Protein backbone atom coordinates (compact mmCIF):
# COMPACT_ATOMS: atom_id res chain seq x y z
CA UNK A 1 0.00 0.00 0.00
CA UNK A 2 1.21 3.47 -0.88
CA UNK A 3 0.57 6.59 1.19
CA UNK A 4 -0.90 8.86 -1.46
CA UNK A 5 -1.81 11.83 0.75
CA UNK A 6 -1.59 13.12 4.32
CA UNK A 7 -4.04 15.94 5.07
CA UNK A 8 -4.00 18.19 8.11
CA UNK A 9 -7.19 18.27 10.16
CA UNK A 10 -5.82 20.09 13.21
CA UNK A 11 -2.32 20.85 14.44
CA UNK A 12 -2.12 17.35 15.87
CA UNK A 13 -4.36 15.16 13.67
CA UNK A 14 -3.97 14.03 10.06
CA UNK A 15 -6.05 12.11 7.51
CA UNK A 16 -4.06 9.37 5.84
CA UNK A 17 -4.90 8.17 2.32
CA UNK A 18 -3.69 4.81 1.07
CA UNK A 19 -3.80 4.09 -2.67
CA UNK A 20 -6.01 7.14 -3.17
CA UNK A 21 -8.61 6.30 -0.51
CA UNK A 22 -9.06 7.62 3.02
CA UNK A 23 -7.69 4.93 5.33
CA UNK A 24 -7.72 6.45 8.84
CA UNK A 25 -6.91 9.44 11.02
CA UNK A 26 -3.74 9.48 13.14
CA UNK A 27 -1.90 11.90 15.39
CA UNK A 28 1.34 13.49 14.21
CA UNK A 29 3.44 11.42 16.58
CA UNK A 30 1.90 8.24 15.21
CA UNK A 31 2.82 9.23 11.67
CA UNK A 32 6.44 9.42 12.74
CA UNK A 33 6.27 6.18 14.70
CA UNK A 34 5.00 4.22 11.71
CA UNK A 35 7.01 6.05 9.05
CA UNK A 36 3.95 7.42 7.30
CA UNK A 37 4.65 10.11 4.73
CA UNK A 38 3.38 10.88 1.26
CA UNK A 39 4.88 8.48 -1.26
CA UNK A 40 6.01 5.96 1.36
CA UNK A 41 5.02 2.31 1.25
CA UNK A 42 3.03 0.95 4.19
CA UNK A 43 3.53 -2.79 4.73
CA UNK A 44 0.44 -4.90 5.45
CA UNK A 45 1.88 -5.86 8.85
CA UNK A 46 2.18 -2.21 9.87
CA UNK A 47 -1.30 -1.46 8.53
CA UNK A 48 -2.74 -4.27 10.66
CA UNK A 49 -0.81 -3.04 13.70
CA UNK A 50 -2.29 0.43 13.29
CA UNK A 51 -5.80 -1.00 13.08
CA UNK A 52 -5.48 -3.52 15.90
CA UNK A 53 -3.27 -1.69 18.38
CA UNK A 54 -4.10 1.97 17.80
CA UNK A 55 -7.46 2.53 16.18
CA UNK A 56 -9.53 -0.26 17.71
CA UNK A 57 -8.74 0.76 21.28
CA UNK A 58 -9.33 4.39 20.44
CA UNK A 59 -12.70 3.62 18.85
CA UNK A 60 -13.80 1.52 21.84
CA UNK A 61 -12.89 4.31 24.26
CA UNK A 62 -14.71 6.82 22.09
CA UNK A 63 -17.92 4.78 22.13
CA UNK A 64 -17.75 4.16 25.88
CA UNK A 65 -17.26 7.87 26.47
CA UNK A 66 -20.27 8.69 24.28
CA UNK A 67 -22.43 6.14 26.09
CA UNK A 68 -21.41 7.44 29.51
CA UNK A 69 -23.04 10.78 28.76
CA UNK A 70 -26.26 9.34 27.27
CA UNK A 71 -27.71 6.23 25.71
CA UNK A 72 -27.45 6.11 21.92
CA UNK A 73 -28.50 3.92 19.04
CA UNK A 74 -26.10 1.89 16.95
CA UNK A 75 -26.65 4.27 14.03
CA UNK A 76 -25.83 7.31 16.16
CA UNK A 77 -22.60 5.72 17.37
CA UNK A 78 -21.68 4.62 13.87
CA UNK A 79 -22.08 8.15 12.57
CA UNK A 80 -19.82 9.48 15.32
CA UNK A 81 -17.04 7.06 14.35
CA UNK A 82 -17.53 7.72 10.65
CA UNK A 83 -17.15 11.43 11.34
CA UNK A 84 -13.91 10.61 13.16
CA UNK A 85 -12.47 8.94 10.07
CA UNK A 86 -12.42 5.40 11.44
CA UNK A 87 -12.31 2.58 8.86
CA UNK A 88 -15.40 0.39 8.45
CA UNK A 89 -13.67 -2.65 9.95
CA UNK A 90 -12.84 -0.75 13.13
CA UNK A 91 -16.35 0.70 13.37
CA UNK A 92 -17.89 -2.78 13.17
CA UNK A 93 -15.48 -4.26 15.72
CA UNK A 94 -15.92 -1.38 18.18
CA UNK A 95 -19.72 -1.57 17.91
CA UNK A 96 -19.60 -5.32 18.47
CA UNK A 97 -17.49 -4.73 21.59
CA UNK A 98 -19.99 -2.39 23.27
CA UNK A 99 -22.95 -4.50 22.20
CA UNK A 100 -21.49 -7.78 23.46
CA UNK A 101 -21.07 -6.15 26.87
CA UNK A 102 -24.57 -4.68 26.72
CA UNK A 103 -23.24 -1.13 26.91
CA UNK A 104 -25.35 -0.45 23.84
CA UNK A 105 -28.62 -2.12 22.89
CA UNK A 106 -31.11 -0.76 20.35
CA UNK A 107 -34.07 -2.61 21.86
CA UNK A 108 -33.31 -1.20 25.32
CA UNK A 109 -32.87 2.26 23.83
CA UNK A 110 -36.21 1.97 22.03
CA UNK A 111 -38.06 0.93 25.20
CA UNK A 112 -36.57 3.69 27.33
CA UNK A 113 -37.09 6.36 24.69
CA UNK A 114 -40.71 5.33 24.11
CA UNK A 115 -41.42 5.26 27.85
CA UNK A 116 -39.96 8.76 28.26
CA UNK A 117 -42.05 10.18 25.40
CA UNK A 118 -45.34 8.34 25.75
CA UNK A 119 -47.09 11.15 27.61
CA UNK A 120 -46.20 13.65 24.89
CA UNK A 121 -46.99 11.81 21.67
CA UNK A 122 -48.87 8.88 20.18
CA UNK A 123 -47.56 5.51 19.10
CA UNK A 124 -47.19 6.49 15.45
CA UNK A 125 -45.05 9.51 16.29
CA UNK A 126 -43.02 7.43 18.74
CA UNK A 127 -42.30 4.79 16.12
CA UNK A 128 -41.38 7.45 13.57
CA UNK A 129 -38.94 9.16 15.94
CA UNK A 130 -37.28 5.84 16.79
CA UNK A 131 -36.84 4.95 13.13
CA UNK A 132 -35.26 8.36 12.55
CA UNK A 133 -32.76 7.52 15.29
CA UNK A 134 -31.78 4.30 13.55
CA UNK A 135 -34.06 1.76 15.22
CA UNK A 136 -35.43 -0.83 12.79
CA UNK A 137 -39.13 -0.45 12.02
CA UNK A 138 -40.28 -3.64 13.75
CA UNK A 139 -38.47 -2.83 17.00
CA UNK A 140 -39.69 0.77 16.86
CA UNK A 141 -43.31 -0.28 16.41
CA UNK A 142 -43.12 -2.85 19.22
CA UNK A 143 -41.60 -0.31 21.62
CA UNK A 144 -44.20 2.30 20.68
CA UNK A 145 -47.05 -0.16 21.15
CA UNK A 146 -45.74 -1.27 24.53
CA UNK A 147 -45.25 2.29 25.74
CA UNK A 148 -48.70 3.28 24.56
CA UNK A 149 -50.27 0.59 26.67
CA UNK A 150 -51.63 3.41 28.80
CA UNK A 151 -54.85 4.98 27.62
CA UNK A 152 -53.87 7.37 24.83
CA UNK A 153 -56.94 9.43 25.61
CA UNK A 154 -55.40 10.07 29.03
CA UNK A 155 -52.22 11.31 27.39
CA UNK A 156 -54.25 13.52 25.08
CA UNK A 157 -56.17 15.02 27.98
CA UNK A 158 -52.87 15.66 29.75
CA UNK A 159 -51.61 17.62 26.76
CA UNK A 160 -54.86 19.56 26.53
CA UNK A 161 -54.43 20.57 30.16
CA UNK A 162 -50.80 21.59 29.60
CA UNK A 163 -51.88 23.84 26.74
CA UNK A 164 -54.57 25.42 28.88
CA UNK A 165 -57.21 24.28 26.43
CA UNK A 166 -60.78 24.99 27.57
CA UNK A 167 -63.38 23.30 25.38
CA UNK A 168 -66.08 25.46 26.89
CA UNK A 169 -64.54 28.71 25.66
CA UNK A 170 -62.50 27.59 22.63
CA UNK A 171 -63.89 28.63 19.28
CA UNK A 172 -63.87 26.40 16.20
CA UNK A 173 -60.54 27.83 15.02
CA UNK A 174 -58.85 27.02 18.32
CA UNK A 175 -60.32 23.52 18.28
CA UNK A 176 -59.00 22.90 14.77
CA UNK A 177 -55.57 24.17 15.80
CA UNK A 178 -55.44 21.89 18.85
CA UNK A 179 -56.77 18.95 16.83
CA UNK A 180 -54.00 19.43 14.24
CA UNK A 181 -51.41 19.73 17.01
CA UNK A 182 -52.46 16.39 18.50
CA UNK A 183 -52.40 14.69 15.11
CA UNK A 184 -48.85 15.96 14.57
CA UNK A 185 -47.97 14.37 17.90
CA UNK A 186 -48.92 11.04 16.35
CA UNK A 187 -52.16 10.35 18.15
CA UNK A 188 -54.86 8.39 16.37
CA UNK A 189 -57.52 10.76 14.90
CA UNK A 190 -60.29 8.68 16.45
CA UNK A 191 -58.69 8.92 19.91
CA UNK A 192 -58.21 12.67 19.46
CA UNK A 193 -61.82 13.21 18.44
CA UNK A 194 -63.07 11.06 21.29
CA UNK A 195 -60.95 12.91 23.86
CA UNK A 196 -62.00 16.28 22.52
CA UNK A 197 -65.63 15.25 22.50
CA UNK A 198 -65.28 14.60 26.21
CA UNK A 199 -63.90 18.12 26.42
CA UNK A 200 -66.80 19.63 24.50
CA UNK A 201 -65.68 19.03 20.89
CA UNK A 202 -68.33 20.13 18.43
């Protein structure tokens, strides 16, 4: 493999290109240690050493640090490592490491997220938000259904109270606005209408 380019990211970090493709990001001192310079040949043994002894440990520590601050999905962690210039092999191995130790689990994330949001939105919105965060559709739907085991009408009434909605004084325009708001929150139209009927929907 030939080092075709070394690009500066910061004063201490560099992108290294091998045979015209981005290979990894290293610190300046590591470039010197492994004899990496434009035009130099990089033996396979040295390449493997960089992956196994430098980048893998760094990627694992990066993921653990990210997970210490907050739970994240596999996709969110993957994007963080991709942004850091880690090779695909290292990303997969680092993700496997945190998942094998249950530091990261998409199903657990989906359950906790849905539980934390169930009073603010309906099951359809919950599932949509989870999919946007990288949870597969089946897992997202199951988590949303489980979290919405409580009466959605109760959640709707809670939101109506938070908004200070008074069915007795609200005009038709206000009712339409609140109805649209609840639909955007992912509640079933039938549940919304039923809850608002109880609140004087006309």
